[in-house]
Amino acid sequence: MNFIKRKIVRRLILDAAMAVALLCGWWMVLLPLAVAGSWSFPFFAETVVAGLAFDSLFGLNRALPFFGLTGTAVSILILIAVFLLKKVVRD
């Protein structure tokens, strides 16, 4: 396998692991996978998609209107923090 195919396969495996963690509700597994994916790949938009999906599945509560967006906010913060950290470390 050449380098690009290996990278695509790694990304698909990480996506599958994130999907399983998301569907099982294992946010403590999903967070490190999101950080690892954001660190490994240039733009890992799956982190934000996972945050939106997590909020749709588990975060909706009428009594707490803003807590329904916690997964999305955390995923965006992870994406920004890892992007800035990569910029500092790699440059």
C-alpha atoms as a PDB file:
ATOM      1  CA  MET A   1       0.000   0.000   0.000  1.00  0.00           C
ATOM      2  CA  ASN A   2       1.287   3.413  -0.755  1.00  0.00           C
ATOM      3  CA  PHE A   3       1.312   6.320   1.675  1.00  0.00           C
ATOM      4  CA  ILE A   4      -1.960   7.947   0.585  1.00  0.00           C
ATOM      5  CA  LYS A   5      -3.932   4.704   0.784  1.00  0.00           C
ATOM      6  CA  ARG A   6      -2.554   3.996   4.261  1.00  0.00           C
ATOM      7  CA  LYS A   7      -3.556   7.475   5.393  1.00  0.00           C
ATOM      8  CA  ILE A   8      -7.074   7.005   4.028  1.00  0.00           C
ATOM      9  CA  VAL A   9      -7.384   3.600   5.709  1.00  0.00           C
ATOM     10  CA  ARG A  10      -6.168   5.079   9.020  1.00  0.00           C
ATOM     11  CA  ARG A  11      -8.725   7.867   8.741  1.00  0.00           C
ATOM     12  CA  LEU A  12     -11.541   5.403   7.993  1.00  0.00           C
ATOM     13  CA  ILE A  13     -10.564   3.221  10.949  1.00  0.00           C
ATOM     14  CA  LEU A  14     -10.520   6.261  13.223  1.00  0.00           C
ATOM     15  CA  ASP A  15     -13.912   7.341  11.858  1.00  0.00           C
ATOM     16  CA  ALA A  16     -15.346   3.885  12.533  1.00  0.00           C
ATOM     17  CA  ALA A  17     -13.972   3.889  16.085  1.00  0.00           C
ATOM     18  CA  MET A  18     -15.457   7.340  16.662  1.00  0.00           C
ATOM     19  CA  ALA A  19     -18.816   6.171  15.291  1.00  0.00           C
ATOM     20  CA  VAL A  20     -18.875   3.180  17.642  1.00  0.00           C
ATOM     21  CA  ALA A  21     -17.933   5.352  20.630  1.00  0.00           C
ATOM     22  CA  LEU A  22     -20.579   7.890  19.627  1.00  0.00           C
ATOM     23  CA  LEU A  23     -23.370   5.356  19.261  1.00  0.00           C
ATOM     24  CA  CYS A  24     -22.493   3.713  22.585  1.00  0.00           C
ATOM     25  CA  GLY A  25     -22.349   7.080  24.330  1.00  0.00           C
ATOM     26  CA  TRP A  26     -18.724   6.726  25.386  1.00  0.00           C
ATOM     27  CA  TRP A  27     -17.710  10.390  25.393  1.00  0.00           C
ATOM     28  CA  MET A  28     -14.568   9.564  27.397  1.00  0.00           C
ATOM     29  CA  VAL A  29     -13.401   7.427  24.458  1.00  0.00           C
ATOM     30  CA  LEU A  30     -14.645   9.865  21.819  1.00  0.00           C
ATOM     31  CA  LEU A  31     -12.648  12.844  23.143  1.00  0.00           C
ATOM     32  CA  PRO A  32      -9.170  11.240  22.869  1.00  0.00           C
ATOM     33  CA  LEU A  33     -10.061   9.879  19.435  1.00  0.00           C
ATOM     34  CA  ALA A  34     -11.096  13.379  18.328  1.00  0.00           C
ATOM     35  CA  VAL A  35      -7.848  14.850  19.639  1.00  0.00           C
ATOM     36  CA  ALA A  36      -5.790  12.102  17.955  1.00  0.00           C
ATOM     37  CA  GLY A  37      -7.610  12.611  14.662  1.00  0.00           C
ATOM     38  CA  SER A  38      -7.244  16.379  14.827  1.00  0.00           C
ATOM     39  CA  TRP A  39      -3.532  15.984  15.510  1.00  0.00           C
ATOM     40  CA  SER A  40      -2.918  13.365  12.804  1.00  0.00           C
ATOM     41  CA  PHE A  41      -4.824  14.870   9.898  1.00  0.00           C
ATOM     42  CA  PRO A  42      -4.739  18.415   8.457  1.00  0.00           C
ATOM     43  CA  PHE A  43      -8.441  19.181   8.906  1.00  0.00           C
ATOM     44  CA  PHE A  44     -10.439  16.595  10.806  1.00  0.00           C
ATOM     45  CA  ALA A  45     -14.001  17.865  10.363  1.00  0.00           C
ATOM     46  CA  GLU A  46     -15.316  14.567  11.702  1.00  0.00           C
ATOM     47  CA  THR A  47     -14.711  15.997  15.175  1.00  0.00           C
ATOM     48  CA  VAL A  48     -17.403  18.637  14.659  1.00  0.00           C
ATOM     49  CA  VAL A  49     -19.742  16.123  13.022  1.00  0.00           C
ATOM     50  CA  ALA A  50     -19.298  13.826  16.028  1.00  0.00           C
ATOM     51  CA  GLY A  51     -20.067  16.727  18.369  1.00  0.00           C
ATOM     52  CA  LEU A  52     -23.257  17.562  16.472  1.00  0.00           C
ATOM     53  CA  ALA A  53     -24.318  13.922  16.416  1.00  0.00           C
ATOM     54  CA  PHE A  54     -23.561  13.497  20.131  1.00  0.00           C
ATOM     55  CA  ASP A  55     -25.706  16.528  20.923  1.00  0.00           C
ATOM     56  CA  SER A  56     -28.510  15.219  18.734  1.00  0.00           C
ATOM     57  CA  LEU A  57     -28.450  11.824  20.429  1.00  0.00           C
ATOM     58  CA  PHE A  58     -27.748  12.696  24.055  1.00  0.00           C
ATOM     59  CA  GLY A  59     -27.641  16.456  24.602  1.00  0.00           C
ATOM     60  CA  LEU A  60     -31.165  17.701  24.106  1.00  0.00           C
ATOM     61  CA  ASN A  61     -32.839  18.835  27.329  1.00  0.00           C
ATOM     62  CA  ARG A  62     -35.625  21.394  27.487  1.00  0.00           C
ATOM     63  CA  ALA A  63     -34.810  22.433  31.047  1.00  0.00           C
ATOM     64  CA  LEU A  64     -31.240  23.372  30.128  1.00  0.00           C
ATOM     65  CA  PRO A  65     -31.409  25.144  26.759  1.00  0.00           C
ATOM     66  CA  PHE A  66     -27.688  25.846  26.251  1.00  0.00           C
ATOM     67  CA  PHE A  67     -26.419  22.479  27.453  1.00  0.00           C
ATOM     68  CA  GLY A  68     -27.749  20.881  24.271  1.00  0.00           C
ATOM     69  CA  LEU A  69     -24.785  22.391  22.435  1.00  0.00           C
ATOM     70  CA  THR A  70     -22.024  21.170  24.742  1.00  0.00           C
ATOM     71  CA  GLY A  71     -20.733  18.455  22.395  1.00  0.00           C
ATOM     72  CA  THR A  72     -20.588  20.843  19.465  1.00  0.00           C
ATOM     73  CA  ALA A  73     -18.815  23.531  21.486  1.00  0.00           C
ATOM     74  CA  VAL A  74     -16.282  21.050  22.885  1.00  0.00           C
ATOM     75  CA  SER A  75     -15.596  19.608  19.434  1.00  0.00           C
ATOM     76  CA  ILE A  76     -14.992  23.060  17.960  1.00  0.00           C
ATOM     77  CA  LEU A  77     -12.723  23.942  20.897  1.00  0.00           C
ATOM     78  CA  ILE A  78     -10.757  20.707  20.367  1.00  0.00           C
ATOM     79  CA  LEU A  79     -10.361  21.476  16.670  1.00  0.00           C
ATOM     80  CA  ILE A  80      -9.157  25.045  17.335  1.00  0.00           C
ATOM     81  CA  ALA A  81      -6.884  24.104  20.254  1.00  0.00           C
ATOM     82  CA  VAL A  82      -5.178  21.286  18.383  1.00  0.00           C
ATOM     83  CA  PHE A  83      -4.818  23.470  15.280  1.00  0.00           C
ATOM     84  CA  LEU A  84      -3.091  26.204  17.307  1.00  0.00           C
ATOM     85  CA  LEU A  85      -0.951  23.670  19.188  1.00  0.00           C
ATOM     86  CA  LYS A  86       0.144  22.071  15.916  1.00  0.00           C
ATOM     87  CA  LYS A  87       1.086  25.482  14.603  1.00  0.00           C
ATOM     88  CA  VAL A  88       3.276  26.190  17.662  1.00  0.00           C
ATOM     89  CA  VAL A  89       4.889  22.732  17.804  1.00  0.00           C
ATOM     90  CA  ARG A  90       5.442  22.120  14.095  1.00  0.00           C
ATOM     91  CA  ASP A  91       6.610  25.609  13.077  1.00  0.00           C
END
